[in-house]
Amino acid sequence: MNKKILGKAALMSLMAATVAKADVTIGGTFNGLWADGDSYASQERVSITESAAITYTDTLDNGIGIEGTMAFESGGGGDFDISFISDMGTVSFGNGLSGGPVDSMDSHPVKSSFASSRKLPQGLSADYEDGDGVAEGVAGFDDDNQIVYTSPKINGFTVKAGIGFGTTAGADDIMAYSISGKIAGFSVKGGIVDEGNTDSRTGDENYMIGIKAPKLAGYTIGYGLYDSDSGDSYTVIGVKTPKIPGLDATFQYEYFDVDNTGSTADDDGSIASLQKSFGGGVKASLEYHVASVGSNEDVENFFIGYKIGF
């Protein structure tokens, strides 16, 4: 029987058996993104997604905590995760909804791109793979079948390790590791993804470093390095301002420098955005992306996005 069906059946049986003494919560988000600019013929709806999740939490008789999540997204099927929590750490099985080893490193240092999941401004590219969230079968990774271990904090540091099981010929399992903590007030993260031997990619290892400085006069400054074993890499430096008086919004800016293997010239670009929270889980952003790719002139794009959480 399909592993995904088995996992869901087990989760539903567990919920039914103990729901009387367990906690069940429901939450979700509505996201929208519109774009206009050089990369688009006219104003275009880039993405609209709606998602909902049911989370079940309980404590077993032996003191081990258990948390199960089933998530549903418009235009796609349901995902699931089940986690076991103890003093020795947390072990999660399923789609990685609880967060893979490098999930917390996917965002830019100051998260300048609010509505979009892009790691780079529109037009830039790099041979980089974070090892999760990939469609099943791409690079041999099955996003329906992974295991992640998260350690308890040790001297202020947290360690994660995960495996995504290979499912196609010519592709091995994907291993991912990360460590995060604080040093002298600086938030520091490091991670590595080993894709194993893949027929479809030149490189197989990707490295990530993220550093965020303590706030200075309300400003946040961040740095990130993402490097691929195939030779491509990019660095990013960003700043986030305090809330602007009168607007109650923050201004965020990040500059990207991309080194593409075989390219005659390095690419670069930046993202500038205004982000505002209206309370009650409602947020909005206005973004400006610009990118110079090789000898091409600046490519400019504008984005308007929203998020509504419940």
Protein backbone atom coordinates (compact mmCIF):
# COMPACT_ATOMS: atom_id res chain seq x y z
CA MET A 1 0.00 0.00 0.00
CA ASN A 2 1.14 3.53 -0.70
CA LYS A 3 3.27 4.94 2.13
CA LYS A 4 1.44 8.26 1.98
CA ILE A 5 -1.94 6.56 2.46
CA LEU A 6 -0.59 4.47 5.33
CA GLY A 7 0.79 7.56 7.05
CA LYS A 8 -2.49 9.44 6.76
CA ALA A 9 -4.51 6.46 7.93
CA ALA A 10 -2.28 6.05 10.97
CA LEU A 11 -2.58 9.75 11.82
CA MET A 12 -6.37 9.74 11.50
CA SER A 13 -6.65 6.59 13.64
CA LEU A 14 -4.47 8.14 16.32
CA MET A 15 -6.57 11.32 16.33
CA ALA A 16 -9.81 9.37 16.58
CA ALA A 17 -8.54 7.23 19.45
CA THR A 18 -7.40 10.06 21.71
CA VAL A 19 -9.13 13.21 20.51
CA ALA A 20 -11.10 13.48 23.74
CA LYS A 21 -8.00 14.46 25.73
CA ALA A 22 -5.98 16.05 22.91
CA ASP A 23 -5.82 19.55 21.49
CA VAL A 24 -6.91 20.13 17.91
CA THR A 25 -6.32 23.49 16.22
CA ILE A 26 -7.18 24.76 12.75
CA GLY A 27 -5.29 27.49 10.89
CA GLY A 28 -4.46 28.64 7.41
CA THR A 29 -3.40 31.44 5.09
CA PHE A 30 -4.56 33.26 1.96
CA ASN A 31 -1.75 34.58 -0.24
CA GLY A 32 -1.93 36.71 -3.36
CA LEU A 33 0.73 38.15 -5.67
CA TRP A 34 0.43 40.41 -8.72
CA ALA A 35 3.32 41.48 -10.96
CA ASP A 36 4.03 44.05 -13.65
CA GLY A 37 7.23 45.14 -15.39
CA ASP A 38 9.81 44.12 -17.97
CA SER A 39 9.28 40.39 -17.40
CA TYR A 40 5.53 40.60 -17.95
CA ALA A 41 3.46 41.66 -20.98
CA SER A 42 0.88 43.29 -18.70
CA GLN A 43 -0.24 43.19 -15.10
CA GLU A 44 -0.28 39.52 -14.24
CA ARG A 45 -1.52 37.43 -11.36
CA VAL A 46 1.56 35.43 -10.48
CA SER A 47 0.08 33.27 -7.74
CA ILE A 48 -2.97 32.90 -5.55
CA THR A 49 -2.94 30.19 -2.90
CA GLU A 50 -5.24 29.19 -0.10
CA SER A 51 -4.22 26.67 2.51
CA ALA A 52 -5.58 25.21 5.73
CA ALA A 53 -4.02 22.94 8.33
CA ILE A 54 -5.36 20.81 11.17
CA THR A 55 -2.88 20.24 13.99
CA TYR A 56 -3.33 17.59 16.66
CA THR A 57 -1.21 17.59 19.85
CA ASP A 58 -1.16 15.15 22.75
CA THR A 59 1.14 13.60 25.34
CA LEU A 60 1.50 9.83 25.47
CA ASP A 61 1.51 7.88 28.75
CA ASN A 62 5.31 7.63 28.61
CA GLY A 63 5.65 11.43 28.52
CA ILE A 64 6.53 11.68 24.83
CA GLY A 65 4.68 14.49 23.06
CA ILE A 66 3.06 13.88 19.72
CA GLU A 67 2.01 16.39 17.07
CA GLY A 68 0.27 15.59 13.81
CA THR A 69 -0.50 18.07 11.04
CA MET A 70 -2.56 17.64 7.90
CA ALA A 71 -2.38 20.52 5.43
CA PHE A 72 -4.47 21.21 2.35
CA GLU A 73 -3.69 23.73 -0.41
CA SER A 74 -5.77 24.93 -3.32
CA GLY A 75 -4.84 23.22 -6.56
CA GLY A 76 -3.02 20.40 -4.81
CA GLY A 77 -3.48 17.38 -2.57
CA GLY A 78 -3.09 17.09 1.17
CA ASP A 79 0.23 16.85 3.00
CA PHE A 80 0.93 15.39 6.41
CA ASP A 81 3.52 15.38 9.15
CA ILE A 82 3.72 13.52 12.43
CA SER A 83 6.31 14.41 15.09
CA PHE A 84 7.42 12.78 18.34
CA ILE A 85 8.84 15.17 20.95
CA SER A 86 11.00 14.28 23.96
CA ASP A 87 13.90 15.63 26.01
CA MET A 88 16.20 14.02 23.43
CA GLY A 89 14.76 16.10 20.60
CA THR A 90 12.03 15.88 17.95
CA VAL A 91 11.69 13.36 15.13
CA SER A 92 9.30 14.22 12.28
CA PHE A 93 8.01 12.01 9.48
CA GLY A 94 6.11 13.01 6.35
CA ASN A 95 6.21 15.98 3.98
CA GLY A 96 8.41 18.25 6.05
CA LEU A 97 5.61 20.59 7.18
CA SER A 98 7.40 20.86 10.53
CA GLY A 99 10.42 22.33 8.75
CA GLY A 100 13.39 20.64 7.11
CA PRO A 101 16.98 21.19 8.26
CA VAL A 102 17.50 24.24 6.03
CA ASP A 103 13.93 25.56 5.85
CA SER A 104 14.73 28.43 8.19
CA MET A 105 17.57 29.43 5.85
CA ASP A 106 15.46 29.66 2.69
CA SER A 107 14.43 33.25 3.37
CA HIS A 108 16.68 36.22 2.77
CA PRO A 109 18.47 37.55 5.86
CA VAL A 110 15.93 40.33 6.40
CA LYS A 111 13.12 38.73 4.35
CA SER A 112 12.80 41.54 1.83
CA SER A 113 10.62 39.52 -0.56
CA PHE A 114 7.39 39.29 1.41
CA ALA A 115 4.83 37.88 -0.99
CA SER A 116 7.08 35.83 -3.23
CA SER A 117 8.91 32.61 -2.46
CA ARG A 118 11.72 33.53 -4.87
CA LYS A 119 15.21 33.42 -3.39
CA LEU A 120 16.48 35.84 -6.02
CA PRO A 121 15.05 38.85 -7.89
CA GLN A 122 13.20 37.97 -11.08
CA GLY A 123 15.73 37.28 -13.86
CA LEU A 124 18.59 36.07 -11.68
CA SER A 125 19.38 32.39 -11.40
CA ALA A 126 21.83 30.09 -9.68
CA ASP A 127 22.30 26.33 -9.54
CA TYR A 128 21.13 25.94 -5.96
CA GLU A 129 19.00 23.28 -4.27
CA ASP A 130 17.84 23.36 -0.66
CA GLY A 131 16.76 19.71 -0.68
CA ASP A 132 13.08 20.14 0.12
CA GLY A 133 9.89 21.38 -1.44
CA VAL A 134 10.87 19.82 -4.77
CA ALA A 135 8.24 18.12 -6.88
CA GLU A 136 8.33 14.36 -6.53
CA GLY A 137 10.82 12.77 -8.88
CA VAL A 138 12.80 15.97 -9.59
CA ALA A 139 16.45 15.28 -8.76
CA GLY A 140 15.21 11.99 -7.32
CA PHE A 141 13.67 13.62 -4.25
CA ASP A 142 10.29 12.50 -2.92
CA ASP A 143 8.77 15.36 -0.90
CA ASP A 144 6.15 12.93 0.41
CA ASN A 145 8.72 10.86 2.24
CA GLN A 146 11.30 12.44 4.52
CA ILE A 147 12.54 12.20 8.12
CA VAL A 148 13.90 15.16 10.11
CA TYR A 149 15.55 15.17 13.56
CA THR A 150 15.73 18.40 15.59
CA SER A 151 17.91 18.45 18.68
CA PRO A 152 17.09 20.27 21.91
CA LYS A 153 19.09 23.45 22.47
CA ILE A 154 22.67 22.67 23.48
CA ASN A 155 24.54 25.71 24.80
CA GLY A 156 22.11 27.85 22.83
CA PHE A 157 22.52 25.96 19.54
CA THR A 158 20.05 23.76 17.69
CA VAL A 159 21.10 21.01 15.27
CA LYS A 160 18.91 19.49 12.54
CA ALA A 161 19.47 16.49 10.28
CA GLY A 162 17.17 15.11 7.63
CA ILE A 163 16.86 12.63 4.80
CA GLY A 164 14.66 12.81 1.70
CA PHE A 165 14.41 9.41 0.09
CA GLY A 166 15.45 8.99 -3.54
CA THR A 167 12.77 7.47 -5.74
CA THR A 168 14.11 7.59 -9.29
CA ALA A 169 16.88 5.85 -11.17
CA GLY A 170 20.21 7.65 -11.01
CA ALA A 171 19.37 9.57 -7.84
CA ASP A 172 20.38 8.89 -4.25
CA ASP A 173 18.74 10.04 -1.04
CA ILE A 174 19.13 13.73 -0.21
CA MET A 175 20.78 14.48 3.13
CA ALA A 176 20.52 17.88 4.83
CA TYR A 177 22.11 19.27 8.01
CA SER A 178 22.02 22.62 9.79
CA ILE A 179 23.09 24.33 13.00
CA SER A 180 21.78 27.63 14.36
CA GLY A 181 22.34 29.74 17.42
CA LYS A 182 23.79 33.01 18.68
CA ILE A 183 27.39 34.15 19.03
CA ALA A 184 28.05 37.49 20.78
CA GLY A 185 24.50 38.60 19.99
CA PHE A 186 24.72 37.65 16.30
CA SER A 187 22.23 35.09 14.97
CA VAL A 188 24.25 32.55 12.99
CA LYS A 189 23.05 29.68 10.79
CA GLY A 190 24.97 27.14 8.73
CA GLY A 191 23.70 24.32 6.56
CA ILE A 192 24.60 21.79 3.90
CA VAL A 193 22.50 19.76 1.47
CA ASP A 194 24.04 16.66 -0.13
CA GLU A 195 22.01 15.57 -3.14
CA GLY A 196 23.94 12.36 -3.63
CA ASN A 197 24.64 11.18 -7.17
CA THR A 198 22.14 12.64 -9.61
CA ASP A 199 22.02 12.20 -13.38
CA SER A 200 20.34 15.56 -13.87
CA ARG A 201 22.75 17.87 -12.02
CA THR A 202 26.44 18.69 -12.30
CA GLY A 203 26.95 19.45 -8.62
CA ASP A 204 25.60 17.59 -5.65
CA GLU A 205 26.38 19.67 -2.55
CA ASN A 206 25.05 23.06 -1.51
CA TYR A 207 26.22 25.19 1.41
CA MET A 208 24.43 27.99 3.25
CA ILE A 209 25.57 30.58 5.78
CA GLY A 210 23.32 33.20 7.33
CA ILE A 211 24.31 35.96 9.78
CA LYS A 212 22.01 38.56 11.32
CA ALA A 213 23.47 41.29 13.51
CA PRO A 214 21.85 42.57 16.72
CA LYS A 215 19.50 45.49 16.13
CA LEU A 216 21.29 48.84 16.08
CA ALA A 217 19.02 51.86 16.62
CA GLY A 218 16.15 49.66 15.45
CA TYR A 219 17.89 48.58 12.21
CA THR A 220 18.51 44.93 11.28
CA ILE A 221 21.44 44.00 9.02
CA GLY A 222 21.86 40.52 7.52
CA TYR A 223 24.26 38.56 5.31
CA GLY A 224 23.77 35.29 3.44
CA LEU A 225 25.95 33.02 1.30
CA TYR A 226 24.52 30.22 -0.83
CA ASP A 227 27.01 28.08 -2.71
CA SER A 228 26.55 25.13 -5.07
CA ASP A 229 29.05 22.36 -5.67
CA SER A 230 28.60 22.94 -9.41
CA GLY A 231 30.25 26.36 -9.06
CA ASP A 232 27.23 28.69 -8.94
CA SER A 233 26.81 30.83 -5.85
CA TYR A 234 25.26 34.03 -4.61
CA THR A 235 25.70 36.39 -1.71
CA VAL A 236 23.14 38.77 -0.26
CA ILE A 237 23.38 41.75 2.09
CA GLY A 238 20.23 43.32 3.49
CA VAL A 239 18.87 45.93 5.88
CA LYS A 240 15.50 46.34 7.59
CA THR A 241 14.48 49.70 9.03
CA PRO A 242 12.37 50.46 12.10
CA LYS A 243 8.72 51.28 11.43
CA ILE A 244 8.35 54.47 9.41
CA PRO A 245 6.41 57.13 11.38
CA GLY A 246 2.99 57.80 9.90
CA LEU A 247 3.04 54.67 7.72
CA ASP A 248 3.57 52.08 10.45
CA ALA A 249 5.43 50.08 7.79
CA THR A 250 9.02 48.85 7.46
CA PHE A 251 11.35 49.42 4.52
CA GLN A 252 13.57 46.47 3.59
CA TYR A 253 16.34 46.31 1.02
CA GLU A 254 18.64 43.50 -0.12
CA TYR A 255 21.39 43.37 -2.72
CA PHE A 256 22.31 40.10 -4.48
CA ASP A 257 25.51 39.18 -6.29
CA VAL A 258 25.30 35.97 -8.35
CA ASP A 259 28.22 34.03 -9.80
CA ASN A 260 27.01 31.69 -12.57
CA THR A 261 29.41 29.05 -13.83
CA GLY A 262 30.43 29.66 -17.44
CA SER A 263 28.99 33.18 -17.50
CA THR A 264 31.16 35.95 -18.93
CA ALA A 265 29.83 38.43 -16.39
CA ASP A 266 28.44 38.18 -12.89
CA ASP A 267 24.74 38.90 -12.36
CA ASP A 268 23.42 41.18 -9.65
CA GLY A 269 20.12 42.54 -8.46
CA SER A 270 18.18 43.95 -5.55
CA ILE A 271 14.79 43.89 -3.85
CA ALA A 272 13.26 46.90 -2.11
CA SER A 273 9.94 46.61 -0.33
CA LEU A 274 7.48 48.31 1.99
CA GLN A 275 5.76 45.87 4.33
CA LYS A 276 2.83 46.68 6.58
CA SER A 277 0.89 44.67 9.14
CA PHE A 278 -2.74 45.60 9.70
CA GLY A 279 -3.23 43.29 12.68
CA GLY A 280 -5.36 40.19 12.91
CA GLY A 281 -3.00 38.26 10.64
CA VAL A 282 -3.42 40.65 7.70
CA LYS A 283 -0.21 41.83 6.00
CA ALA A 284 0.62 43.54 2.70
CA SER A 285 3.72 44.44 0.72
CA LEU A 286 4.81 46.56 -2.25
CA GLU A 287 8.02 45.33 -3.88
CA TYR A 288 10.46 46.54 -6.54
CA HIS A 289 12.87 44.01 -8.07
CA VAL A 290 15.74 44.93 -10.40
CA ALA A 291 18.27 42.56 -11.96
CA SER A 292 21.22 42.87 -14.36
CA VAL A 293 21.93 39.58 -16.11
CA GLY A 294 25.27 39.39 -17.90
CA SER A 295 25.40 42.13 -20.54
CA ASN A 296 21.64 42.79 -20.36
CA GLU A 297 20.33 46.10 -19.06
CA ASP A 298 18.49 46.32 -15.77
CA VAL A 299 15.28 44.26 -15.72
CA GLU A 300 12.66 45.94 -13.53
CA ASN A 301 9.58 44.32 -12.02
CA PHE A 302 6.96 45.40 -9.49
CA PHE A 303 4.99 43.17 -7.13
CA ILE A 304 1.97 43.70 -4.88
CA GLY A 305 1.19 40.97 -2.40
CA TYR A 306 -0.93 40.15 0.61
CA LYS A 307 -1.14 37.52 3.29
CA ILE A 308 -4.11 36.77 5.51
CA GLY A 309 -3.58 34.29 8.31
CA PHE A 310 -6.10 32.73 10.65
